[in-house]
Protein backbone atom coordinates (compact mmCIF):
# COMPACT_ATOMS: atom_id res chain seq x y z
CA UNK A 1 17.22 -35.71 -77.62
CA UNK A 2 20.58 -36.52 -77.25
CA UNK A 3 21.00 -32.98 -79.68
CA UNK A 4 18.96 -30.98 -77.02
CA UNK A 5 20.64 -32.07 -74.10
CA UNK A 6 24.41 -31.37 -76.07
CA UNK A 7 22.59 -28.25 -76.90
CA UNK A 8 21.59 -27.43 -73.26
CA UNK A 9 25.47 -27.70 -72.46
CA UNK A 10 25.12 -31.25 -70.36
CA UNK A 11 28.51 -32.06 -69.67
CA UNK A 12 27.60 -36.06 -68.62
CA UNK A 13 24.75 -38.17 -69.66
CA UNK A 14 23.28 -40.22 -66.40
CA UNK A 15 21.05 -43.30 -67.51
CA UNK A 16 18.71 -44.77 -64.65
CA UNK A 17 18.44 -48.20 -66.05
CA UNK A 18 16.34 -49.92 -69.22
CA UNK A 19 18.55 -48.66 -72.07
CA UNK A 20 16.26 -51.74 -73.59
CA UNK A 21 13.24 -53.44 -72.80
CA UNK A 22 10.39 -52.20 -74.76
CA UNK A 23 11.69 -50.39 -77.44
CA UNK A 24 12.16 -51.68 -81.32
CA UNK A 25 16.16 -50.37 -81.23
CA UNK A 26 17.98 -51.81 -78.71
CA UNK A 27 20.85 -52.49 -80.09
CA UNK A 28 20.92 -48.78 -81.76
CA UNK A 29 20.22 -47.80 -78.25
CA UNK A 30 23.39 -49.91 -76.82
CA UNK A 31 25.66 -48.54 -79.13
CA UNK A 32 24.74 -44.65 -78.99
CA UNK A 33 24.28 -44.34 -75.39
CA UNK A 34 27.50 -46.46 -74.33
CA UNK A 35 29.31 -44.25 -76.81
CA UNK A 36 28.68 -41.24 -75.03
CA UNK A 37 30.98 -41.76 -71.40
CA UNK A 38 27.45 -41.88 -69.59
CA UNK A 39 27.11 -43.19 -66.49
CA UNK A 40 24.68 -45.93 -66.41
CA UNK A 41 23.21 -48.62 -63.64
CA UNK A 42 21.08 -51.60 -64.60
CA UNK A 43 17.65 -51.78 -65.17
CA UNK A 44 15.26 -54.87 -64.58
CA UNK A 45 15.19 -54.93 -68.39
CA UNK A 46 18.75 -54.63 -68.66
CA UNK A 47 19.32 -57.36 -66.50
CA UNK A 48 16.50 -59.62 -68.44
CA UNK A 49 18.29 -58.90 -71.51
CA UNK A 50 21.62 -60.33 -70.69
CA UNK A 51 19.85 -63.45 -69.39
CA UNK A 52 20.55 -62.72 -65.54
CA UNK A 53 16.58 -61.83 -64.66
CA UNK A 54 13.95 -65.02 -64.07
CA UNK A 55 11.24 -63.93 -67.16
CA UNK A 56 8.35 -65.58 -64.99
CA UNK A 57 8.35 -62.08 -63.29
CA UNK A 58 7.44 -60.15 -65.94
CA UNK A 59 3.93 -60.05 -67.54
CA UNK A 60 3.42 -61.75 -70.63
CA UNK A 61 4.02 -58.61 -73.12
CA UNK A 62 7.13 -57.44 -71.23
CA UNK A 63 8.50 -60.99 -71.47
CA UNK A 64 7.85 -61.54 -74.95
CA UNK A 65 9.98 -57.73 -75.50
CA UNK A 66 12.76 -59.15 -73.11
CA UNK A 67 12.91 -62.40 -75.25
CA UNK A 68 13.18 -60.47 -78.65
CA UNK A 69 15.16 -57.77 -77.35
CA UNK A 70 17.97 -60.63 -75.98
CA UNK A 71 17.88 -61.69 -79.72
CA UNK A 72 18.62 -58.46 -81.48
CA UNK A 73 21.66 -57.60 -79.44
CA UNK A 74 25.58 -58.83 -79.85
CA UNK A 75 26.95 -60.63 -77.50
CA UNK A 76 29.28 -57.76 -76.70
CA UNK A 77 26.13 -55.56 -76.45
CA UNK A 78 24.57 -58.28 -73.88
CA UNK A 79 27.90 -58.22 -72.05
CA UNK A 80 27.99 -54.81 -71.42
CA UNK A 81 24.47 -54.67 -70.14
CA UNK A 82 25.59 -57.39 -67.70
CA UNK A 83 28.34 -55.42 -66.53
CA UNK A 84 26.33 -52.66 -65.56
CA UNK A 85 26.00 -51.62 -61.69
CA UNK A 86 22.51 -51.79 -60.30
CA UNK A 87 23.65 -48.98 -57.92
CA UNK A 88 26.46 -46.48 -58.57
CA UNK A 89 26.89 -42.68 -56.85
CA UNK A 90 27.88 -39.64 -59.35
CA UNK A 91 28.84 -36.20 -57.77
CA UNK A 92 27.38 -36.82 -54.63
CA UNK A 93 24.22 -38.52 -55.94
CA UNK A 94 23.02 -42.27 -55.86
CA UNK A 95 21.99 -43.38 -58.52
CA UNK A 96 19.71 -46.36 -58.90
CA UNK A 97 16.54 -47.63 -61.25
CA UNK A 98 14.25 -48.74 -58.70
CA UNK A 99 14.99 -47.72 -54.96
CA UNK A 100 17.85 -47.65 -52.97
CA UNK A 101 16.33 -49.98 -50.21
CA UNK A 102 15.74 -52.76 -52.26
CA UNK A 103 17.74 -52.48 -55.91
CA UNK A 104 16.90 -55.84 -56.75
CA UNK A 105 13.96 -56.29 -55.78
CA UNK A 106 12.73 -53.66 -58.55
CA UNK A 107 9.69 -51.76 -56.21
CA UNK A 108 8.23 -49.08 -57.78
CA UNK A 109 8.36 -45.54 -55.90
CA UNK A 110 4.86 -44.27 -56.65
CA UNK A 111 3.37 -42.64 -53.19
CA UNK A 112 4.98 -40.47 -49.74
CA UNK A 113 5.19 -43.60 -47.99
CA UNK A 114 7.10 -45.67 -51.07
CA UNK A 115 9.80 -42.52 -50.94
CA UNK A 116 9.85 -42.64 -47.04
CA UNK A 117 11.40 -46.40 -47.37
CA UNK A 118 14.17 -44.93 -49.67
CA UNK A 119 15.65 -42.35 -47.35
CA UNK A 120 17.22 -44.34 -44.98
CA UNK A 121 19.04 -46.74 -47.68
CA UNK A 122 21.32 -43.92 -49.19
CA UNK A 123 23.93 -41.90 -47.66
CA UNK A 124 24.18 -39.10 -50.09
CA UNK A 125 21.78 -35.99 -50.39
CA UNK A 126 20.57 -36.71 -53.33
CA UNK A 127 18.78 -39.68 -54.94
CA UNK A 128 17.96 -40.54 -58.81
CA UNK A 129 15.51 -43.28 -59.32
CA UNK A 130 13.51 -44.27 -62.56
CA UNK A 131 11.12 -47.95 -63.20
CA UNK A 132 8.08 -46.46 -62.87
CA UNK A 133 8.59 -44.01 -65.63
CA UNK A 134 6.64 -41.39 -63.52
CA UNK A 135 8.46 -38.27 -62.60
CA UNK A 136 8.08 -37.04 -59.09
CA UNK A 137 10.21 -35.53 -56.11
CA UNK A 138 10.37 -36.61 -52.15
CA UNK A 139 11.88 -34.02 -49.83
CA UNK A 140 12.83 -35.04 -46.55
CA UNK A 141 13.30 -32.31 -44.15
CA UNK A 142 15.89 -32.36 -41.18
CA UNK A 143 12.64 -31.90 -38.90
CA UNK A 144 11.07 -35.20 -40.30
CA UNK A 145 8.80 -33.81 -42.58
CA UNK A 146 7.69 -35.53 -45.78
CA UNK A 147 6.81 -33.67 -49.03
CA UNK A 148 6.23 -35.26 -52.06
CA UNK A 149 4.74 -34.03 -55.80
CA UNK A 150 4.76 -35.18 -59.19
CA UNK A 151 5.24 -34.00 -62.53
CA UNK A 152 7.73 -31.55 -64.18
CA UNK A 153 9.34 -28.78 -62.31
CA UNK A 154 12.37 -27.70 -60.41
CA UNK A 155 13.80 -28.68 -57.14
CA UNK A 156 16.42 -27.87 -54.83
CA UNK A 157 18.85 -29.57 -52.78
CA UNK A 158 19.06 -26.79 -49.59
CA UNK A 159 20.98 -27.46 -46.23
CA UNK A 160 17.70 -28.85 -44.54
CA UNK A 161 16.83 -31.11 -46.82
CA UNK A 162 17.24 -34.61 -48.80
CA UNK A 163 16.24 -35.55 -52.14
CA UNK A 164 14.55 -38.33 -54.30
CA UNK A 165 14.06 -37.39 -57.62
CA UNK A 166 12.19 -40.02 -59.99
CA UNK A 167 13.07 -38.40 -63.31
CA UNK A 168 10.29 -40.11 -65.37
CA UNK A 169 10.72 -42.01 -68.95
CA UNK A 170 12.22 -40.68 -72.09
CA UNK A 171 10.86 -44.03 -74.26
CA UNK A 172 7.96 -45.02 -72.52
CA UNK A 173 6.21 -41.95 -70.30
CA UNK A 174 3.43 -43.42 -68.22
CA UNK A 175 1.69 -39.96 -66.32
CA UNK A 176 -0.51 -39.72 -69.23
CA UNK A 177 1.90 -37.56 -71.09
CA UNK A 178 3.23 -38.68 -74.34
CA UNK A 179 6.37 -36.26 -74.36
CA UNK A 180 9.51 -37.81 -73.31
CA UNK A 181 10.65 -36.73 -69.85
CA UNK A 182 14.41 -36.13 -68.49
CA UNK A 183 16.07 -34.10 -65.96
CA UNK A 184 18.72 -31.74 -66.17
CA UNK A 185 20.86 -31.99 -63.10
CA UNK A 186 23.16 -28.87 -61.67
CA UNK A 187 25.41 -30.46 -59.43
CA UNK A 188 27.06 -27.37 -58.17
CA UNK A 189 24.21 -25.55 -58.09
CA UNK A 190 21.95 -28.50 -55.97
CA UNK A 191 19.37 -27.81 -58.77
CA UNK A 192 17.42 -30.67 -60.41
CA UNK A 193 15.03 -29.68 -63.35
CA UNK A 194 12.46 -32.52 -64.86
CA UNK A 195 11.57 -31.06 -68.38
CA UNK A 196 9.49 -32.43 -71.06
CA UNK A 197 10.68 -32.95 -74.77
CA UNK A 198 8.80 -33.84 -78.08
CA UNK A 199 8.72 -37.88 -78.81
CA UNK A 200 7.14 -39.12 -81.64
CA UNK A 201 5.21 -41.68 -80.25
CA UNK A 202 3.60 -42.23 -83.81
CA UNK A 203 6.91 -43.17 -85.26
CA UNK A 204 8.25 -45.18 -82.45
CA UNK A 205 4.56 -47.35 -82.18
CA UNK A 206 5.13 -48.09 -86.04
CA UNK A 207 8.78 -49.32 -85.44
CA UNK A 208 7.46 -51.53 -82.39
CA UNK A 209 4.84 -53.15 -84.96
CA UNK A 210 7.17 -53.41 -87.58
CA UNK A 211 8.86 -55.19 -85.55
CA UNK A 212 6.49 -57.71 -84.36
CA UNK A 213 6.56 -56.82 -80.58
CA UNK A 214 3.43 -56.69 -78.68
CA UNK A 215 0.77 -54.07 -80.32
CA UNK A 216 0.32 -52.61 -76.68
CA UNK A 217 3.72 -51.45 -76.39
CA UNK A 218 3.42 -48.83 -79.23
CA UNK A 219 -0.43 -48.14 -78.34
CA UNK A 220 -0.08 -47.40 -74.82
CA UNK A 221 3.06 -44.87 -76.18
CA UNK A 222 0.48 -42.70 -77.72
CA UNK A 223 -1.69 -42.19 -74.39
CA UNK A 224 1.50 -41.86 -71.95
CA UNK A 225 0.47 -44.70 -70.20
């Protein structure tokens, strides 16, 4: 995945949270992404692994994974996750894991109505989110029209519009397609393209089983759910 981004000439990596949480290699992920001079905001699973969230809010599978993940991280890696901001700005875009209107309540943006809640909560013209693991774009026109679409494809920041872009998920897509989802953003041109890339879900599933994590976390990768 990272090699593919490098081949595209991507200058900086942005991660919208949940470096850890469901996968079997949390320490390796923190090590690799942390070495890339990336812009990263905290996801709820990062906060949980760092001991900053009450796990009672998690379902049993996520809770088991969070507890296991916390035990896999070195102290400095846990401290690194604990220091990640919940909201950030980069090159004129707002970055948040869940939604700018309630960043630590961790709401899911799934519908047009959900997206409408987000726009009043950020001052930039563009906001990137994750959390739902489902790629989508909300466009708010200056005349108040709200447009919404799911899936991959390009979006452009025009003078008459603001955008909220959910970039999907590299490690656990949930839109029915097991391939990884990510976005390439050209800040100068105001263009965002949500893309898919090959992802060895079978190997990821094997690693999850070998680690002793709940099997459902591996099985769901094969269905992209």
